[in-house]
N, C-alpha and C. Protein backbone atom coordinates (compact mmCIF):
# COMPACT_ATOMS: atom_id res chain seq x y z
N MET A 1 83.07 -8.61 42.48
CA MET A 1 83.65 -7.32 42.50
C MET A 1 83.23 -6.56 41.25
N PHE A 2 82.85 -5.29 41.46
CA PHE A 2 82.44 -4.46 40.25
C PHE A 2 82.68 -3.03 40.53
N SER A 3 82.66 -2.32 39.51
CA SER A 3 82.63 -0.83 39.53
C SER A 3 81.41 -0.38 38.78
N GLU A 4 81.28 0.90 38.62
CA GLU A 4 80.08 1.38 37.94
C GLU A 4 80.17 0.93 36.43
N HIS A 5 81.30 0.64 35.92
CA HIS A 5 81.39 0.39 34.47
C HIS A 5 81.93 -0.94 34.10
N SER A 6 82.37 -1.81 35.13
CA SER A 6 82.92 -3.05 34.85
C SER A 6 82.70 -4.02 36.04
N VAL A 7 82.91 -5.29 35.74
CA VAL A 7 82.88 -6.39 36.73
C VAL A 7 84.12 -7.20 36.57
N HIS A 8 84.59 -7.94 37.66
CA HIS A 8 85.71 -8.60 37.59
C HIS A 8 85.42 -10.12 37.80
N ARG A 9 86.04 -10.89 36.95
CA ARG A 9 85.82 -12.36 36.99
C ARG A 9 86.97 -12.96 36.09
N ASP A 10 87.34 -14.23 36.51
CA ASP A 10 88.35 -14.91 35.71
C ASP A 10 89.60 -14.12 35.51
N GLY A 11 90.04 -13.34 36.50
CA GLY A 11 91.22 -12.62 36.45
C GLY A 11 91.27 -11.37 35.64
N ARG A 12 90.10 -10.92 35.20
CA ARG A 12 90.10 -9.63 34.37
C ARG A 12 88.80 -8.84 34.55
N ASP A 13 88.82 -7.68 34.06
CA ASP A 13 87.60 -6.76 34.11
C ASP A 13 86.79 -6.97 32.84
N TRP A 14 85.46 -6.95 32.99
CA TRP A 14 84.56 -7.08 31.85
C TRP A 14 83.67 -5.83 31.83
N ARG A 15 83.52 -5.21 30.75
CA ARG A 15 82.78 -4.03 30.62
C ARG A 15 81.25 -4.35 30.77
N LEU A 16 80.63 -3.45 31.59
CA LEU A 16 79.18 -3.50 31.73
C LEU A 16 78.51 -2.63 30.68
N ALA A 17 77.32 -3.06 30.15
CA ALA A 17 76.63 -2.29 29.21
C ALA A 17 75.97 -1.09 29.85
N THR A 18 75.81 -0.09 29.03
CA THR A 18 74.95 1.03 29.52
C THR A 18 73.64 0.90 28.75
N ASP A 19 72.68 1.73 29.11
CA ASP A 19 71.47 1.79 28.37
C ASP A 19 71.72 2.02 26.87
N ALA A 20 72.69 2.87 26.51
CA ALA A 20 72.98 3.12 25.12
C ALA A 20 73.44 1.85 24.37
N ASP A 21 74.06 0.92 25.02
CA ASP A 21 74.44 -0.25 24.35
C ASP A 21 73.32 -1.22 24.00
N VAL A 22 72.27 -1.10 24.65
CA VAL A 22 71.07 -2.07 24.34
C VAL A 22 69.88 -1.22 23.88
N GLU A 23 69.97 0.01 23.72
CA GLU A 23 68.79 0.91 23.39
C GLU A 23 68.15 0.42 22.07
N TRP A 24 68.87 -0.18 21.19
CA TRP A 24 68.36 -0.55 19.89
C TRP A 24 67.31 -1.68 19.89
N ILE A 25 67.25 -2.37 21.09
CA ILE A 25 66.34 -3.48 21.25
C ILE A 25 64.95 -3.02 21.54
N ASN A 26 64.77 -2.11 22.50
CA ASN A 26 63.44 -1.72 22.94
C ASN A 26 62.45 -1.19 21.88
N PRO A 27 62.94 -0.23 21.02
CA PRO A 27 61.99 0.27 20.03
C PRO A 27 61.40 -0.73 19.04
N GLY A 28 62.14 -1.79 18.87
CA GLY A 28 61.61 -2.88 17.98
C GLY A 28 60.83 -3.95 18.59
N THR A 29 60.56 -3.84 19.87
CA THR A 29 59.77 -4.92 20.57
C THR A 29 58.51 -4.35 21.21
N SER A 30 57.53 -5.20 21.33
CA SER A 30 56.30 -4.78 22.01
C SER A 30 55.66 -6.03 22.58
N PRO A 31 54.88 -5.86 23.70
CA PRO A 31 54.22 -7.01 24.29
C PRO A 31 53.31 -7.70 23.27
N GLY A 32 53.19 -8.96 23.43
CA GLY A 32 52.32 -9.74 22.64
C GLY A 32 52.81 -11.20 22.47
N MET A 33 52.17 -11.84 21.45
CA MET A 33 52.52 -13.29 21.23
C MET A 33 53.46 -13.54 20.11
N THR A 34 53.82 -12.46 19.37
CA THR A 34 54.72 -12.60 18.21
C THR A 34 56.18 -12.56 18.63
N ILE A 35 57.03 -12.85 17.68
CA ILE A 35 58.46 -12.89 17.93
C ILE A 35 58.95 -11.48 18.40
N THR A 36 58.26 -10.46 17.98
CA THR A 36 58.68 -9.08 18.35
C THR A 36 58.41 -8.72 19.78
N SER A 37 57.79 -9.67 20.56
CA SER A 37 57.74 -9.44 21.97
C SER A 37 59.13 -9.61 22.63
N SER A 38 60.08 -10.18 21.93
CA SER A 38 61.42 -10.38 22.54
C SER A 38 62.52 -10.05 21.62
N VAL A 39 62.29 -10.04 20.29
CA VAL A 39 63.28 -9.77 19.30
C VAL A 39 62.83 -8.59 18.41
N PRO A 40 63.62 -7.60 18.17
CA PRO A 40 63.15 -6.50 17.31
C PRO A 40 62.92 -6.98 15.88
N GLY A 41 61.91 -6.45 15.28
CA GLY A 41 61.58 -6.80 13.87
C GLY A 41 62.52 -6.26 12.84
N ILE A 42 63.75 -6.34 13.04
CA ILE A 42 64.75 -5.69 12.08
C ILE A 42 65.60 -6.83 11.38
N PHE A 43 65.34 -8.08 11.68
CA PHE A 43 66.17 -9.10 11.08
C PHE A 43 65.55 -9.76 9.89
N ASP A 44 66.33 -10.50 9.11
CA ASP A 44 65.83 -11.19 7.98
C ASP A 44 65.01 -12.46 8.23
N ALA A 45 65.31 -13.03 9.36
CA ALA A 45 64.57 -14.33 9.70
C ALA A 45 64.59 -14.54 11.18
N TYR A 46 63.58 -15.48 11.65
CA TYR A 46 63.43 -15.66 13.05
C TYR A 46 63.10 -17.13 13.31
N CYS A 47 63.41 -17.61 14.51
CA CYS A 47 62.97 -18.89 14.98
C CYS A 47 62.89 -18.96 16.45
N THR A 48 62.24 -20.03 16.91
CA THR A 48 62.20 -20.33 18.31
C THR A 48 62.88 -21.71 18.52
N ILE A 49 63.55 -21.82 19.67
CA ILE A 49 64.25 -23.07 20.01
C ILE A 49 63.83 -23.51 21.33
N VAL A 50 63.35 -24.70 21.49
CA VAL A 50 62.94 -25.28 22.75
C VAL A 50 64.10 -26.12 23.35
N PRO A 51 64.64 -25.71 24.46
CA PRO A 51 65.73 -26.49 24.98
C PRO A 51 65.22 -27.80 25.67
N PRO A 52 66.10 -28.79 25.92
CA PRO A 52 65.69 -29.95 26.66
C PRO A 52 65.04 -29.46 27.95
N GLY A 53 64.15 -30.20 28.50
CA GLY A 53 63.51 -29.91 29.80
C GLY A 53 64.42 -30.21 30.95
N PRO A 54 64.09 -29.73 32.16
CA PRO A 54 64.94 -29.93 33.32
C PRO A 54 65.17 -31.36 33.70
N ASP A 55 64.30 -32.20 33.23
CA ASP A 55 64.43 -33.66 33.60
C ASP A 55 65.35 -34.40 32.59
N GLN A 56 65.87 -33.78 31.62
CA GLN A 56 66.73 -34.46 30.65
C GLN A 56 68.10 -34.71 31.20
N GLU A 57 68.77 -35.67 30.62
CA GLU A 57 70.08 -35.99 31.01
C GLU A 57 71.05 -34.81 30.85
N ASP A 58 72.03 -34.72 31.69
CA ASP A 58 73.02 -33.61 31.64
C ASP A 58 73.72 -33.57 30.35
N ASP A 59 74.09 -34.69 29.76
CA ASP A 59 74.82 -34.58 28.49
C ASP A 59 73.92 -34.13 27.34
N GLU A 60 72.66 -34.38 27.35
CA GLU A 60 71.74 -33.90 26.25
C GLU A 60 71.58 -32.36 26.50
N TYR A 61 71.41 -31.99 27.73
CA TYR A 61 71.21 -30.55 28.00
C TYR A 61 72.51 -29.80 27.67
N ALA A 62 73.68 -30.26 28.04
CA ALA A 62 74.92 -29.64 27.70
C ALA A 62 75.17 -29.57 26.19
N GLY A 63 74.84 -30.71 25.51
CA GLY A 63 75.00 -30.83 24.08
C GLY A 63 74.17 -29.78 23.37
N HIS A 64 72.86 -29.55 23.86
CA HIS A 64 72.07 -28.61 23.20
C HIS A 64 72.65 -27.20 23.34
N HIS A 65 73.03 -26.84 24.58
CA HIS A 65 73.54 -25.46 24.78
C HIS A 65 74.88 -25.21 24.03
N GLN A 66 75.70 -26.28 23.99
CA GLN A 66 76.96 -26.13 23.23
C GLN A 66 76.67 -25.97 21.70
N ALA A 67 75.69 -26.61 21.20
CA ALA A 67 75.31 -26.44 19.81
C ALA A 67 74.79 -25.00 19.56
N VAL A 68 74.06 -24.41 20.44
CA VAL A 68 73.61 -23.10 20.29
C VAL A 68 74.87 -22.16 20.28
N ILE A 69 75.77 -22.37 21.17
CA ILE A 69 77.02 -21.48 21.21
C ILE A 69 77.77 -21.66 19.86
N ASP A 70 77.90 -22.94 19.41
CA ASP A 70 78.63 -23.17 18.20
C ASP A 70 78.03 -22.47 17.04
N VAL A 71 76.76 -22.53 16.80
CA VAL A 71 76.12 -21.98 15.66
C VAL A 71 76.31 -20.50 15.77
N LEU A 72 76.02 -19.86 16.94
CA LEU A 72 76.12 -18.41 17.03
C LEU A 72 77.57 -17.91 16.83
N THR A 73 78.53 -18.70 17.37
CA THR A 73 79.90 -18.44 17.09
C THR A 73 80.28 -18.31 15.61
N ALA A 74 79.78 -19.27 14.85
CA ALA A 74 80.05 -19.24 13.43
C ALA A 74 79.48 -18.08 12.74
N HIS A 75 78.59 -17.35 13.35
CA HIS A 75 77.94 -16.15 12.74
C HIS A 75 78.32 -14.89 13.54
N ALA A 76 79.44 -14.90 14.29
CA ALA A 76 79.77 -13.71 15.10
C ALA A 76 80.96 -12.90 14.54
N ALA A 77 81.63 -13.50 13.54
CA ALA A 77 82.77 -12.80 12.90
C ALA A 77 83.80 -12.30 13.94
N ASP A 78 84.13 -13.13 14.92
CA ASP A 78 85.12 -12.75 15.90
C ASP A 78 84.90 -11.44 16.65
N ARG A 79 83.67 -11.12 16.77
CA ARG A 79 83.40 -9.81 17.52
C ARG A 79 82.97 -10.19 19.01
N PRO A 80 83.12 -9.29 19.91
CA PRO A 80 82.67 -9.54 21.26
C PRO A 80 81.16 -9.78 21.24
N TRP A 81 80.71 -10.44 22.28
CA TRP A 81 79.27 -10.62 22.52
C TRP A 81 78.84 -9.81 23.72
N TRP A 82 77.60 -9.45 23.82
CA TRP A 82 77.01 -8.89 24.98
C TRP A 82 76.11 -10.04 25.51
N LEU A 83 76.33 -10.30 26.84
CA LEU A 83 75.68 -11.40 27.52
C LEU A 83 74.78 -10.69 28.56
N GLY A 84 73.51 -11.06 28.56
CA GLY A 84 72.57 -10.40 29.48
C GLY A 84 71.93 -11.50 30.42
N TYR A 85 71.95 -11.15 31.61
CA TYR A 85 71.36 -12.07 32.71
C TYR A 85 70.19 -11.34 33.33
N LEU A 86 68.93 -11.91 33.14
CA LEU A 86 67.78 -11.24 33.60
C LEU A 86 67.65 -11.49 35.13
N ASP A 87 67.38 -10.42 35.84
CA ASP A 87 67.20 -10.44 37.36
C ASP A 87 65.72 -10.69 37.54
N THR A 88 65.42 -11.97 37.85
CA THR A 88 64.02 -12.36 38.20
C THR A 88 63.86 -12.49 39.76
N GLY A 89 64.93 -12.36 40.45
CA GLY A 89 64.95 -12.58 41.86
C GLY A 89 65.27 -13.99 42.22
N ALA A 90 65.11 -14.91 41.26
CA ALA A 90 65.34 -16.34 41.51
C ALA A 90 66.53 -16.89 40.64
N SER A 91 66.87 -16.17 39.65
CA SER A 91 67.95 -16.65 38.63
C SER A 91 69.24 -16.09 38.99
N ASP A 92 70.30 -16.80 38.54
CA ASP A 92 71.67 -16.40 38.73
C ASP A 92 71.96 -15.31 37.70
N VAL A 93 72.27 -14.16 38.16
CA VAL A 93 72.65 -13.05 37.27
C VAL A 93 74.21 -12.89 37.07
N VAL A 94 74.93 -13.89 37.66
CA VAL A 94 76.35 -14.04 37.60
C VAL A 94 77.12 -12.92 38.40
N PHE A 95 76.64 -11.75 38.20
CA PHE A 95 77.27 -10.60 39.01
C PHE A 95 76.13 -9.95 39.76
N PRO A 96 75.85 -10.51 41.00
CA PRO A 96 74.64 -10.10 41.68
C PRO A 96 74.64 -8.61 42.13
N TYR A 97 75.77 -7.97 42.34
CA TYR A 97 75.80 -6.62 42.82
C TYR A 97 76.03 -5.62 41.74
N ALA A 98 76.13 -6.05 40.50
CA ALA A 98 76.39 -5.08 39.41
C ALA A 98 75.09 -4.36 39.03
N PRO A 99 75.26 -3.11 38.52
CA PRO A 99 74.12 -2.30 38.09
C PRO A 99 73.29 -3.02 36.99
N ARG A 100 72.03 -2.78 36.96
CA ARG A 100 71.11 -3.43 35.95
C ARG A 100 70.92 -2.43 34.81
N THR A 101 70.72 -2.98 33.66
CA THR A 101 70.26 -2.18 32.42
C THR A 101 68.88 -2.61 32.16
N THR A 102 67.97 -1.60 31.84
CA THR A 102 66.61 -1.88 31.69
C THR A 102 66.28 -2.19 30.21
N LEU A 103 65.52 -3.36 30.03
CA LEU A 103 65.11 -3.79 28.75
C LEU A 103 63.60 -4.18 28.78
N TYR A 104 63.05 -4.27 27.58
CA TYR A 104 61.67 -4.69 27.39
C TYR A 104 60.80 -3.81 28.23
N SER A 105 59.99 -4.44 29.03
CA SER A 105 58.93 -3.73 29.84
C SER A 105 59.45 -3.47 31.23
N GLY A 106 60.69 -2.90 31.34
CA GLY A 106 61.22 -2.54 32.57
C GLY A 106 61.98 -3.59 33.31
N TYR A 107 62.40 -4.70 32.62
CA TYR A 107 63.20 -5.75 33.23
C TYR A 107 64.57 -5.34 33.44
N GLY A 108 65.16 -5.73 34.60
CA GLY A 108 66.56 -5.40 34.87
C GLY A 108 67.46 -6.58 34.43
N TYR A 109 68.47 -6.25 33.62
CA TYR A 109 69.51 -7.27 33.24
C TYR A 109 70.82 -6.79 33.63
N VAL A 110 71.68 -7.69 34.04
CA VAL A 110 73.17 -7.44 34.09
C VAL A 110 73.60 -7.86 32.68
N VAL A 111 74.17 -6.91 31.95
CA VAL A 111 74.68 -7.06 30.56
C VAL A 111 76.18 -6.80 30.53
N VAL A 112 76.90 -7.80 30.10
CA VAL A 112 78.43 -7.76 30.17
C VAL A 112 78.94 -8.05 28.81
N GLU A 113 79.95 -7.37 28.40
CA GLU A 113 80.64 -7.60 27.18
C GLU A 113 81.69 -8.66 27.37
N ALA A 114 81.45 -9.83 26.70
CA ALA A 114 82.39 -10.98 26.84
C ALA A 114 82.44 -11.78 25.50
N GLY A 115 82.20 -13.04 25.59
CA GLY A 115 82.22 -13.86 24.46
C GLY A 115 81.64 -15.23 24.57
N PRO A 116 81.75 -16.08 23.59
CA PRO A 116 81.12 -17.38 23.63
C PRO A 116 81.60 -18.25 24.79
N ARG A 117 82.87 -18.29 25.08
CA ARG A 117 83.29 -19.15 26.20
C ARG A 117 82.62 -18.71 27.50
N GLN A 118 82.52 -17.47 27.73
CA GLN A 118 81.90 -16.98 28.98
C GLN A 118 80.42 -17.29 28.90
N ALA A 119 79.78 -17.15 27.77
CA ALA A 119 78.31 -17.48 27.63
C ALA A 119 78.06 -18.92 28.03
N ALA A 120 79.02 -19.83 27.61
CA ALA A 120 78.86 -21.26 27.88
C ALA A 120 79.27 -21.66 29.38
N GLN A 121 80.00 -20.76 30.06
CA GLN A 121 80.54 -21.18 31.32
C GLN A 121 80.11 -20.43 32.60
N TRP A 122 79.68 -19.21 32.40
CA TRP A 122 79.48 -18.39 33.63
C TRP A 122 78.35 -18.84 34.47
N ARG A 123 77.35 -19.35 33.99
CA ARG A 123 76.17 -19.71 34.78
C ARG A 123 75.98 -21.25 34.79
N GLU A 124 75.67 -21.75 35.97
CA GLU A 124 75.39 -23.22 36.07
C GLU A 124 73.96 -23.54 35.85
N ARG A 125 73.68 -24.70 35.39
CA ARG A 125 72.37 -25.20 35.22
C ARG A 125 71.82 -25.43 36.64
N ASP A 126 70.69 -25.01 36.88
CA ASP A 126 70.16 -25.22 38.29
C ASP A 126 68.85 -26.03 38.39
N GLY A 127 68.43 -26.66 37.24
CA GLY A 127 67.19 -27.45 37.21
C GLY A 127 66.07 -26.66 36.80
N PHE A 128 66.01 -25.33 36.98
CA PHE A 128 64.81 -24.53 36.49
C PHE A 128 65.28 -23.54 35.45
N HIS A 129 66.53 -23.12 35.44
CA HIS A 129 66.96 -22.14 34.49
C HIS A 129 68.11 -22.66 33.61
N GLN A 130 68.11 -22.19 32.42
CA GLN A 130 69.06 -22.62 31.45
C GLN A 130 70.43 -21.97 31.85
N PRO A 131 71.58 -22.63 31.57
CA PRO A 131 72.81 -22.08 31.90
C PRO A 131 73.27 -20.84 30.93
N LEU A 132 72.72 -20.86 29.72
CA LEU A 132 73.10 -19.83 28.88
C LEU A 132 72.50 -18.47 29.30
N PRO A 133 73.14 -17.34 28.99
CA PRO A 133 72.54 -16.02 29.29
C PRO A 133 71.15 -15.86 28.70
N ASP A 134 70.36 -15.02 29.29
CA ASP A 134 68.99 -14.88 28.83
C ASP A 134 68.95 -13.90 27.59
N LEU A 135 70.02 -13.24 27.28
CA LEU A 135 70.17 -12.33 26.16
C LEU A 135 71.62 -12.46 25.64
N ILE A 136 71.75 -12.66 24.36
CA ILE A 136 73.05 -12.64 23.72
C ILE A 136 72.93 -11.94 22.36
N PHE A 137 73.89 -11.05 22.09
CA PHE A 137 74.00 -10.47 20.80
C PHE A 137 75.42 -10.03 20.53
N PRO A 138 75.98 -10.17 19.31
CA PRO A 138 77.28 -9.64 19.00
C PRO A 138 77.39 -8.18 18.91
N ALA A 139 78.60 -7.65 18.95
CA ALA A 139 78.82 -6.22 18.93
C ALA A 139 78.21 -5.56 17.72
N ASP A 140 78.15 -6.33 16.56
CA ASP A 140 77.70 -5.76 15.33
C ASP A 140 76.19 -5.92 15.21
N ARG A 141 75.50 -6.53 16.23
CA ARG A 141 73.99 -6.60 16.29
C ARG A 141 73.42 -7.35 15.10
N SER A 142 74.20 -8.28 14.56
CA SER A 142 73.68 -9.03 13.38
C SER A 142 72.74 -10.16 13.70
N TRP A 143 72.66 -10.47 14.95
CA TRP A 143 71.61 -11.38 15.50
C TRP A 143 71.34 -11.13 16.96
N LEU A 144 70.24 -11.68 17.49
CA LEU A 144 69.87 -11.62 18.86
C LEU A 144 69.27 -12.84 19.31
N LEU A 145 69.66 -13.46 20.45
CA LEU A 145 69.07 -14.55 21.05
C LEU A 145 68.51 -14.15 22.42
N THR A 146 67.35 -14.45 22.73
CA THR A 146 66.74 -14.11 24.07
C THR A 146 65.81 -15.15 24.53
N THR A 147 65.77 -15.32 25.92
CA THR A 147 64.86 -16.22 26.55
C THR A 147 64.12 -15.37 27.55
N MET A 148 62.92 -15.09 27.38
CA MET A 148 62.13 -14.28 28.38
C MET A 148 61.92 -15.02 29.65
N TRP A 149 61.69 -14.27 30.73
CA TRP A 149 61.63 -14.91 32.04
C TRP A 149 60.51 -15.94 32.19
N ASP A 150 59.36 -15.63 31.39
CA ASP A 150 58.18 -16.53 31.62
C ASP A 150 58.04 -17.56 30.47
N ASP A 151 58.98 -17.67 29.64
CA ASP A 151 58.91 -18.61 28.55
C ASP A 151 59.88 -19.72 28.74
N ASP A 152 59.57 -20.93 28.28
CA ASP A 152 60.50 -22.06 28.31
C ASP A 152 61.10 -22.39 26.95
N TRP A 153 61.15 -21.33 26.06
CA TRP A 153 61.86 -21.49 24.84
C TRP A 153 62.64 -20.20 24.51
N THR A 154 63.52 -20.27 23.54
CA THR A 154 64.43 -19.18 23.21
C THR A 154 63.99 -18.71 21.79
N CYS A 155 64.06 -17.34 21.70
CA CYS A 155 63.77 -16.64 20.36
C CYS A 155 65.00 -16.12 19.77
N VAL A 156 65.13 -16.31 18.43
CA VAL A 156 66.35 -15.86 17.75
C VAL A 156 65.92 -15.04 16.54
N GLY A 157 66.63 -13.91 16.35
CA GLY A 157 66.49 -13.19 15.07
C GLY A 157 67.90 -12.97 14.45
N GLY A 158 68.00 -13.10 13.16
CA GLY A 158 69.26 -12.86 12.53
C GLY A 158 69.21 -12.98 11.07
N THR A 159 70.28 -13.36 10.42
CA THR A 159 70.30 -13.58 8.97
C THR A 159 69.59 -14.79 8.57
N GLU A 160 69.26 -14.84 7.32
CA GLU A 160 68.55 -16.11 6.78
C GLU A 160 69.50 -17.25 6.95
N GLN A 161 70.82 -17.12 6.78
CA GLN A 161 71.86 -18.14 6.92
C GLN A 161 71.91 -18.63 8.34
N LEU A 162 71.95 -17.68 9.32
CA LEU A 162 71.94 -18.16 10.76
C LEU A 162 70.76 -19.02 11.09
N ILE A 163 69.61 -18.44 10.76
CA ILE A 163 68.35 -19.22 11.07
C ILE A 163 68.32 -20.59 10.36
N GLY A 164 68.80 -20.59 9.13
CA GLY A 164 68.87 -21.87 8.33
C GLY A 164 69.81 -22.85 8.99
N ASP A 165 70.89 -22.38 9.52
CA ASP A 165 71.89 -23.23 10.20
C ASP A 165 71.29 -23.76 11.45
N ILE A 166 70.51 -23.01 12.20
CA ILE A 166 69.88 -23.50 13.37
C ILE A 166 68.78 -24.58 13.03
N VAL A 167 67.96 -24.30 12.12
CA VAL A 167 66.91 -25.13 11.73
C VAL A 167 67.46 -26.53 11.13
N SER A 168 68.59 -26.48 10.46
CA SER A 168 69.14 -27.69 9.87
C SER A 168 70.17 -28.34 10.77
N HIS A 169 70.42 -27.84 11.94
CA HIS A 169 71.47 -28.38 12.81
C HIS A 169 71.01 -29.73 13.34
N PRO A 170 71.86 -30.78 13.37
CA PRO A 170 71.50 -32.10 13.81
C PRO A 170 70.97 -32.18 15.30
N VAL A 171 71.48 -31.27 16.16
CA VAL A 171 71.01 -31.26 17.48
C VAL A 171 69.85 -30.32 17.72
N LEU A 172 69.86 -29.16 17.15
CA LEU A 172 68.93 -28.06 17.38
C LEU A 172 67.72 -28.21 16.46
N GLY A 173 67.85 -28.71 15.23
CA GLY A 173 66.81 -28.71 14.19
C GLY A 173 65.45 -29.22 14.70
N GLU A 174 65.40 -30.37 15.37
CA GLU A 174 64.17 -30.96 15.80
C GLU A 174 63.48 -30.12 16.86
N ARG A 175 64.20 -29.21 17.55
CA ARG A 175 63.62 -28.40 18.58
C ARG A 175 63.40 -26.96 18.14
N THR A 176 63.55 -26.74 16.78
CA THR A 176 63.47 -25.43 16.22
C THR A 176 62.34 -25.22 15.36
N ARG A 177 61.74 -24.06 15.33
CA ARG A 177 60.63 -23.71 14.46
C ARG A 177 60.82 -22.29 13.88
N ARG A 178 60.81 -22.15 12.58
CA ARG A 178 60.85 -20.83 11.95
C ARG A 178 59.56 -20.08 12.30
N VAL A 179 59.70 -18.81 12.50
CA VAL A 179 58.48 -18.00 12.64
C VAL A 179 58.57 -16.72 11.83
N THR A 180 57.44 -16.18 11.46
CA THR A 180 57.39 -14.88 10.76
C THR A 180 57.04 -13.74 11.76
N LEU A 181 57.17 -12.61 11.27
CA LEU A 181 56.89 -11.42 12.25
C LEU A 181 55.53 -11.41 12.73
N GLY A 182 54.50 -11.68 11.97
CA GLY A 182 53.09 -11.54 12.52
C GLY A 182 52.56 -12.83 13.11
N GLU A 183 53.31 -13.89 13.15
CA GLU A 183 52.82 -15.19 13.60
C GLU A 183 52.98 -15.32 15.12
N ASP A 184 52.13 -16.07 15.74
CA ASP A 184 52.30 -16.34 17.18
C ASP A 184 53.57 -17.26 17.29
N SER A 185 54.50 -16.75 18.12
CA SER A 185 55.77 -17.45 18.21
C SER A 185 55.84 -18.55 19.25
N THR A 186 54.70 -18.83 19.89
CA THR A 186 54.66 -19.85 20.95
C THR A 186 54.82 -21.17 20.23
N PRO A 187 55.86 -21.94 20.68
CA PRO A 187 55.97 -23.31 20.05
C PRO A 187 54.83 -24.23 20.35
N PRO A 188 54.50 -25.13 19.44
CA PRO A 188 53.39 -26.14 19.68
C PRO A 188 53.66 -26.80 20.90
N GLY A 189 52.51 -26.97 21.71
CA GLY A 189 52.61 -27.71 22.97
C GLY A 189 52.99 -26.88 24.17
N HIS A 190 53.42 -25.58 23.97
CA HIS A 190 53.81 -24.69 24.99
C HIS A 190 52.74 -23.55 25.23
N THR A 191 52.75 -23.04 26.37
CA THR A 191 51.90 -21.96 26.67
C THR A 191 52.62 -20.62 27.06
N ALA A 192 52.13 -19.54 26.40
CA ALA A 192 52.78 -18.27 26.69
C ALA A 192 51.94 -17.73 27.84
N ILE A 193 52.71 -17.13 28.84
CA ILE A 193 52.08 -16.52 29.97
C ILE A 193 51.87 -15.05 29.71
């Protein structure tokens, strides 16, 4: 159930983003192989995170995604999060009839203002797609996490402390690589499409 400005789930209404809520992302991104193909070049530090593959055990997969949520939560200062679900035609956008917001090179996202609990629970793992939203950022825009439709890794931009916490995290660290603005952000052993 939805209206032009909200969707209903879990017994309450959730505000849908407008283009104005996400307009800060597009001017800082451009097609290519660097981190700025998905994350604006406005942050202090950047990294990529490779999630467990679809053939991994459910507990490893769940542990990875919960670790991501935990680290981001520690850097969100109790602010709401914007959760974006990319409409690829094959992925779960959680609210299939909700209006789309356009990002990047014309991709349609359902973007909802919610929080970490919803980010961790609203989408099920389906073997091909991660359960986390494809786009997450807090209301203060202090960091941005995104997974592009054709990549099997996640890109993050944020404070030096956030990226340091991801890189040194006992679950995430071995799957994480710092990147700089001009560097190819494709993780070793992966292919960018």
